[in-house]
Amino acid sequence: MTNLEQLAALLFDAIVNLDPQEFDAVADAVARFKTEDQASYSALMHGGCKEFATLFGAVEQAISGLK
């Protein structure tokens, strides 16, 4: 496992273990970013910084798995 993969796994674990109010705040922020700034989201996930996209993907994965 690379350092980036370890960081993504830790981020995932941290998010899924937040209390419900904090978790909802993260989920809402992600949803706002994806819908209100679609150009930035698309650039991030499709050609932006690969490392940040990996970390943001871990955030999305944590949220989608628990919502």
PDB file of N, CA and C in Angstrom:
ATOM      1  N   MET A   1       0.851  -1.164   0.000  1.00  0.00           N
ATOM      2  CA  MET A   1       0.000   0.000   0.000  1.00  0.00           C
ATOM      3  C   MET A   1       0.907   1.241   0.000  1.00  0.00           C
ATOM      4  N   THR A   2       0.606   2.159  -0.887  1.00  0.00           N
ATOM      5  CA  THR A   2       1.406   3.378  -0.972  1.00  0.00           C
ATOM      6  C   THR A   2       1.020   4.343   0.150  1.00  0.00           C
ATOM      7  N   ASN A   3       1.829   5.351   0.335  1.00  0.00           N
ATOM      8  CA  ASN A   3       1.509   6.381   1.337  1.00  0.00           C
ATOM      9  C   ASN A   3       0.192   7.063   1.024  1.00  0.00           C
ATOM     10  N   LEU A   4      -0.071   7.321  -0.255  1.00  0.00           N
ATOM     11  CA  LEU A   4      -1.334   7.947  -0.659  1.00  0.00           C
ATOM     12  C   LEU A   4      -2.509   7.034  -0.341  1.00  0.00           C
ATOM     13  N   GLU A   5      -2.377   5.748  -0.619  1.00  0.00           N
ATOM     14  CA  GLU A   5      -3.445   4.804  -0.314  1.00  0.00           C
ATOM     15  C   GLU A   5      -3.692   4.716   1.194  1.00  0.00           C
ATOM     16  N   GLN A   6      -2.624   4.766   1.974  1.00  0.00           N
ATOM     17  CA  GLN A   6      -2.772   4.752   3.434  1.00  0.00           C
ATOM     18  C   GLN A   6      -3.499   6.005   3.911  1.00  0.00           C
ATOM     19  N   LEU A   7      -3.134   7.151   3.352  1.00  0.00           N
ATOM     20  CA  LEU A   7      -3.798   8.400   3.725  1.00  0.00           C
ATOM     21  C   LEU A   7      -5.276   8.361   3.348  1.00  0.00           C
ATOM     22  N   ALA A   8      -5.589   7.858   2.161  1.00  0.00           N
ATOM     23  CA  ALA A   8      -6.983   7.750   1.734  1.00  0.00           C
ATOM     24  C   ALA A   8      -7.765   6.816   2.666  1.00  0.00           C
ATOM     25  N   ALA A   9      -7.175   5.719   3.068  1.00  0.00           N
ATOM     26  CA  ALA A   9      -7.839   4.781   3.975  1.00  0.00           C
ATOM     27  C   ALA A   9      -8.084   5.419   5.342  1.00  0.00           C
ATOM     28  N   LEU A  10      -7.113   6.162   5.830  1.00  0.00           N
ATOM     29  CA  LEU A  10      -7.281   6.850   7.116  1.00  0.00           C
ATOM     30  C   LEU A  10      -8.361   7.919   7.031  1.00  0.00           C
ATOM     31  N   LEU A  11      -8.399   8.640   5.925  1.00  0.00           N
ATOM     32  CA  LEU A  11      -9.427   9.661   5.725  1.00  0.00           C
ATOM     33  C   LEU A  11     -10.807   9.012   5.680  1.00  0.00           C
ATOM     34  N   PHE A  12     -10.923   7.914   4.953  1.00  0.00           N
ATOM     35  CA  PHE A  12     -12.183   7.174   4.887  1.00  0.00           C
ATOM     36  C   PHE A  12     -12.628   6.769   6.288  1.00  0.00           C
ATOM     37  N   ASP A  13     -11.722   6.154   7.049  1.00  0.00           N
ATOM     38  CA  ASP A  13     -12.047   5.706   8.403  1.00  0.00           C
ATOM     39  C   ASP A  13     -12.452   6.868   9.301  1.00  0.00           C
ATOM     40  N   ALA A  14     -11.752   7.979   9.180  1.00  0.00           N
ATOM     41  CA  ALA A  14     -12.076   9.143  10.011  1.00  0.00           C
ATOM     42  C   ALA A  14     -13.481   9.653   9.706  1.00  0.00           C
ATOM     43  N   ILE A  15     -13.847   9.684   8.449  1.00  0.00           N
ATOM     44  CA  ILE A  15     -15.168  10.208   8.073  1.00  0.00           C
ATOM     45  C   ILE A  15     -16.276   9.263   8.530  1.00  0.00           C
ATOM     46  N   VAL A  16     -16.124   7.978   8.320  1.00  0.00           N
ATOM     47  CA  VAL A  16     -17.194   7.061   8.712  1.00  0.00           C
ATOM     48  C   VAL A  16     -17.349   6.980  10.231  1.00  0.00           C
ATOM     49  N   ASN A  17     -16.353   7.418  10.974  1.00  0.00           N
ATOM     50  CA  ASN A  17     -16.436   7.385  12.433  1.00  0.00           C
ATOM     51  C   ASN A  17     -16.804   8.728  13.056  1.00  0.00           C
ATOM     52  N   LEU A  18     -17.156   9.707  12.228  1.00  0.00           N
ATOM     53  CA  LEU A  18     -17.609  10.992  12.764  1.00  0.00           C
ATOM     54  C   LEU A  18     -18.963  10.813  13.439  1.00  0.00           C
ATOM     55  N   ASP A  19     -19.274  11.732  14.348  1.00  0.00           N
ATOM     56  CA  ASP A  19     -20.625  11.677  14.903  1.00  0.00           C
ATOM     57  C   ASP A  19     -21.597  12.104  13.800  1.00  0.00           C
ATOM     58  N   PRO A  20     -22.871  11.748  13.906  1.00  0.00           N
ATOM     59  CA  PRO A  20     -23.823  11.988  12.814  1.00  0.00           C
ATOM     60  C   PRO A  20     -23.894  13.446  12.343  1.00  0.00           C
ATOM     61  N   GLN A  21     -23.819  14.379  13.246  1.00  0.00           N
ATOM     62  CA  GLN A  21     -23.906  15.790  12.863  1.00  0.00           C
ATOM     63  C   GLN A  21     -22.679  16.202  12.035  1.00  0.00           C
ATOM     64  N   GLU A  22     -21.507  15.781  12.457  1.00  0.00           N
ATOM     65  CA  GLU A  22     -20.287  16.093  11.707  1.00  0.00           C
ATOM     66  C   GLU A  22     -20.292  15.381  10.349  1.00  0.00           C
ATOM     67  N   PHE A  23     -20.735  14.132  10.344  1.00  0.00           N
ATOM     68  CA  PHE A  23     -20.816  13.381   9.103  1.00  0.00           C
ATOM     69  C   PHE A  23     -21.744  14.084   8.120  1.00  0.00           C
ATOM     70  N   ASP A  24     -22.911  14.516   8.593  1.00  0.00           N
ATOM     71  CA  ASP A  24     -23.858  15.214   7.723  1.00  0.00           C
ATOM     72  C   ASP A  24     -23.264  16.512   7.180  1.00  0.00           C
ATOM     73  N   ALA A  25     -22.479  17.203   7.993  1.00  0.00           N
ATOM     74  CA  ALA A  25     -21.843  18.437   7.534  1.00  0.00           C
ATOM     75  C   ALA A  25     -20.861  18.155   6.401  1.00  0.00           C
ATOM     76  N   VAL A  26     -20.084  17.096   6.524  1.00  0.00           N
ATOM     77  CA  VAL A  26     -19.148  16.708   5.452  1.00  0.00           C
ATOM     78  C   VAL A  26     -19.930  16.303   4.208  1.00  0.00           C
ATOM     79  N   ALA A  27     -20.965  15.497   4.379  1.00  0.00           N
ATOM     80  CA  ALA A  27     -21.769  15.052   3.236  1.00  0.00           C
ATOM     81  C   ALA A  27     -22.410  16.241   2.529  1.00  0.00           C
ATOM     82  N   ASP A  28     -22.919  17.188   3.278  1.00  0.00           N
ATOM     83  CA  ASP A  28     -23.531  18.377   2.680  1.00  0.00           C
ATOM     84  C   ASP A  28     -22.506  19.205   1.920  1.00  0.00           C
ATOM     85  N   ALA A  29     -21.311  19.348   2.477  1.00  0.00           N
ATOM     86  CA  ALA A  29     -20.260  20.120   1.807  1.00  0.00           C
ATOM     87  C   ALA A  29     -19.847  19.450   0.494  1.00  0.00           C
ATOM     88  N   VAL A  30     -19.744  18.135   0.502  1.00  0.00           N
ATOM     89  CA  VAL A  30     -19.402  17.407  -0.723  1.00  0.00           C
ATOM     90  C   VAL A  30     -20.509  17.579  -1.760  1.00  0.00           C
ATOM     91  N   ALA A  31     -21.756  17.443  -1.338  1.00  0.00           N
ATOM     92  CA  ALA A  31     -22.878  17.588  -2.268  1.00  0.00           C
ATOM     93  C   ALA A  31     -22.913  18.994  -2.862  1.00  0.00           C
ATOM     94  N   ARG A  32     -22.689  20.006  -2.036  1.00  0.00           N
ATOM     95  CA  ARG A  32     -22.665  21.386  -2.545  1.00  0.00           C
ATOM     96  C   ARG A  32     -21.547  21.567  -3.561  1.00  0.00           C
ATOM     97  N   PHE A  33     -20.373  21.057  -3.255  1.00  0.00           N
ATOM     98  CA  PHE A  33     -19.244  21.186  -4.177  1.00  0.00           C
ATOM     99  C   PHE A  33     -19.560  20.521  -5.513  1.00  0.00           C
ATOM    100  N   LYS A  34     -20.139  19.324  -5.462  1.00  0.00           N
ATOM    101  CA  LYS A  34     -20.423  18.581  -6.690  1.00  0.00           C
ATOM    102  C   LYS A  34     -21.507  19.244  -7.526  1.00  0.00           C
ATOM    103  N   THR A  35     -22.479  19.883  -6.893  1.00  0.00           N
ATOM    104  CA  THR A  35     -23.594  20.460  -7.646  1.00  0.00           C
ATOM    105  C   THR A  35     -23.399  21.939  -7.966  1.00  0.00           C
ATOM    106  N   GLU A  36     -22.805  22.691  -7.070  1.00  0.00           N
ATOM    107  CA  GLU A  36     -22.666  24.132  -7.276  1.00  0.00           C
ATOM    108  C   GLU A  36     -21.389  24.509  -8.014  1.00  0.00           C
ATOM    109  N   ASP A  37     -20.429  23.619  -8.061  1.00  0.00           N
ATOM    110  CA  ASP A  37     -19.173  23.909  -8.749  1.00  0.00           C
ATOM    111  C   ASP A  37     -18.791  22.708  -9.620  1.00  0.00           C
ATOM    112  N   GLN A  38     -19.694  22.387 -10.533  1.00  0.00           N
ATOM    113  CA  GLN A  38     -19.536  21.186 -11.353  1.00  0.00           C
ATOM    114  C   GLN A  38     -18.269  21.222 -12.194  1.00  0.00           C
ATOM    115  N   ALA A  39     -17.887  22.396 -12.674  1.00  0.00           N
ATOM    116  CA  ALA A  39     -16.685  22.484 -13.511  1.00  0.00           C
ATOM    117  C   ALA A  39     -15.446  22.109 -12.698  1.00  0.00           C
ATOM    118  N   SER A  40     -15.350  22.602 -11.481  1.00  0.00           N
ATOM    119  CA  SER A  40     -14.204  22.272 -10.627  1.00  0.00           C
ATOM    120  C   SER A  40     -14.214  20.802 -10.246  1.00  0.00           C
ATOM    121  N   TYR A  41     -15.393  20.277  -9.921  1.00  0.00           N
ATOM    122  CA  TYR A  41     -15.503  18.867  -9.573  1.00  0.00           C
ATOM    123  C   TYR A  41     -15.056  17.993 -10.747  1.00  0.00           C
ATOM    124  N   SER A  42     -15.541  18.311 -11.937  1.00  0.00           N
ATOM    125  CA  SER A  42     -15.176  17.544 -13.118  1.00  0.00           C
ATOM    126  C   SER A  42     -13.679  17.625 -13.398  1.00  0.00           C
ATOM    127  N   ALA A  43     -13.122  18.823 -13.269  1.00  0.00           N
ATOM    128  CA  ALA A  43     -11.681  18.996 -13.495  1.00  0.00           C
ATOM    129  C   ALA A  43     -10.885  18.198 -12.465  1.00  0.00           C
ATOM    130  N   LEU A  44     -11.346  18.209 -11.222  1.00  0.00           N
ATOM    131  CA  LEU A  44     -10.657  17.475 -10.163  1.00  0.00           C
ATOM    132  C   LEU A  44     -10.652  15.983 -10.440  1.00  0.00           C
ATOM    133  N   MET A  45     -11.788  15.452 -10.796  1.00  0.00           N
ATOM    134  CA  MET A  45     -11.917  14.012 -10.936  1.00  0.00           C
ATOM    135  C   MET A  45     -11.436  13.492 -12.295  1.00  0.00           C
ATOM    136  N   HIS A  46     -11.308  14.386 -13.266  1.00  0.00           N
ATOM    137  CA  HIS A  46     -10.944  13.949 -14.619  1.00  0.00           C
ATOM    138  C   HIS A  46      -9.788  14.789 -15.165  1.00  0.00           C
ATOM    139  N   GLY A  47      -8.668  14.716 -14.499  1.00  0.00           N
ATOM    140  CA  GLY A  47      -7.502  15.376 -15.048  1.00  0.00           C
ATOM    141  C   GLY A  47      -6.858  16.395 -14.135  1.00  0.00           C
ATOM    142  N   GLY A  48      -7.443  16.610 -12.988  1.00  0.00           N
ATOM    143  CA  GLY A  48      -6.808  17.504 -12.035  1.00  0.00           C
ATOM    144  C   GLY A  48      -5.676  16.778 -11.330  1.00  0.00           C
ATOM    145  N   CYS A  49      -5.425  17.153 -10.143  1.00  0.00           N
ATOM    146  CA  CYS A  49      -4.374  16.531  -9.338  1.00  0.00           C
ATOM    147  C   CYS A  49      -4.804  15.114  -8.947  1.00  0.00           C
ATOM    148  N   LYS A  50      -4.089  14.123  -9.442  1.00  0.00           N
ATOM    149  CA  LYS A  50      -4.442  12.716  -9.198  1.00  0.00           C
ATOM    150  C   LYS A  50      -4.494  12.407  -7.706  1.00  0.00           C
ATOM    151  N   GLU A  51      -3.563  12.942  -6.951  1.00  0.00           N
ATOM    152  CA  GLU A  51      -3.509  12.644  -5.521  1.00  0.00           C
ATOM    153  C   GLU A  51      -4.718  13.233  -4.786  1.00  0.00           C
ATOM    154  N   PHE A  52      -5.081  14.465  -5.119  1.00  0.00           N
ATOM    155  CA  PHE A  52      -6.240  15.069  -4.464  1.00  0.00           C
ATOM    156  C   PHE A  52      -7.515  14.349  -4.888  1.00  0.00           C
ATOM    157  N   ALA A  53      -7.593  13.950  -6.149  1.00  0.00           N
ATOM    158  CA  ALA A  53      -8.758  13.204  -6.619  1.00  0.00           C
ATOM    159  C   ALA A  53      -8.888  11.886  -5.855  1.00  0.00           C
ATOM    160  N   THR A  54      -7.769  11.248  -5.560  1.00  0.00           N
ATOM    161  CA  THR A  54      -7.782  10.005  -4.792  1.00  0.00           C
ATOM    162  C   THR A  54      -8.342  10.255  -3.394  1.00  0.00           C
ATOM    163  N   LEU A  55      -7.888  11.327  -2.758  1.00  0.00           N
ATOM    164  CA  LEU A  55      -8.370  11.639  -1.411  1.00  0.00           C
ATOM    165  C   LEU A  55      -9.837  12.038  -1.433  1.00  0.00           C
ATOM    166  N   PHE A  56     -10.228  12.857  -2.413  1.00  0.00           N
ATOM    167  CA  PHE A  56     -11.634  13.247  -2.505  1.00  0.00           C
ATOM    168  C   PHE A  56     -12.504  12.032  -2.806  1.00  0.00           C
ATOM    169  N   GLY A  57     -11.978  11.107  -3.590  1.00  0.00           N
ATOM    170  CA  GLY A  57     -12.697   9.874  -3.862  1.00  0.00           C
ATOM    171  C   GLY A  57     -12.946   9.077  -2.590  1.00  0.00           C
ATOM    172  N   ALA A  58     -11.981   9.090  -1.674  1.00  0.00           N
ATOM    173  CA  ALA A  58     -12.168   8.404  -0.385  1.00  0.00           C
ATOM    174  C   ALA A  58     -13.278   9.069   0.416  1.00  0.00           C
ATOM    175  N   VAL A  59     -13.344  10.388   0.353  1.00  0.00           N
ATOM    176  CA  VAL A  59     -14.411  11.120   1.047  1.00  0.00           C
ATOM    177  C   VAL A  59     -15.755  10.726   0.448  1.00  0.00           C
ATOM    178  N   GLU A  60     -15.855  10.760  -0.881  1.00  0.00           N
ATOM    179  CA  GLU A  60     -17.109  10.386  -1.541  1.00  0.00           C
ATOM    180  C   GLU A  60     -17.510   8.949  -1.213  1.00  0.00           C
ATOM    181  N   GLN A  61     -16.551   8.065  -1.219  1.00  0.00           N
ATOM    182  CA  GLN A  61     -16.823   6.662  -0.935  1.00  0.00           C
ATOM    183  C   GLN A  61     -17.345   6.479   0.498  1.00  0.00           C
ATOM    184  N   ALA A  62     -16.742   7.188   1.432  1.00  0.00           N
ATOM    185  CA  ALA A  62     -17.194   7.097   2.825  1.00  0.00           C
ATOM    186  C   ALA A  62     -18.616   7.608   2.976  1.00  0.00           C
ATOM    187  N   ILE A  63     -18.913   8.680   2.296  1.00  0.00           N
ATOM    188  CA  ILE A  63     -20.243   9.281   2.410  1.00  0.00           C
ATOM    189  C   ILE A  63     -21.289   8.421   1.718  1.00  0.00           C
ATOM    190  N   SER A  64     -20.991   7.961   0.522  1.00  0.00           N
ATOM    191  CA  SER A  64     -21.991   7.191  -0.224  1.00  0.00           C
ATOM    192  C   SER A  64     -22.265   5.836   0.427  1.00  0.00           C
ATOM    193  N   GLY A  65     -21.304   5.312   1.149  1.00  0.00           N
ATOM    194  CA  GLY A  65     -21.501   4.035   1.807  1.00  0.00           C
ATOM    195  C   GLY A  65     -22.381   4.098   3.035  1.00  0.00           C
ATOM    196  N   LEU A  66     -22.561   5.302   3.567  1.00  0.00           N
ATOM    197  CA  LEU A  66     -23.314   5.421   4.815  1.00  0.00           C
ATOM    198  C   LEU A  66     -24.598   6.229   4.679  1.00  0.00           C
ATOM    199  N   LYS A  67     -24.825   6.840   3.565  1.00  0.00           N
ATOM    200  CA  LYS A  67     -26.045   7.656   3.386  1.00  0.00           C
ATOM    201  C   LYS A  67     -27.197   6.803   2.967  1.00  0.00           C
TER     202      LYS A  67
END
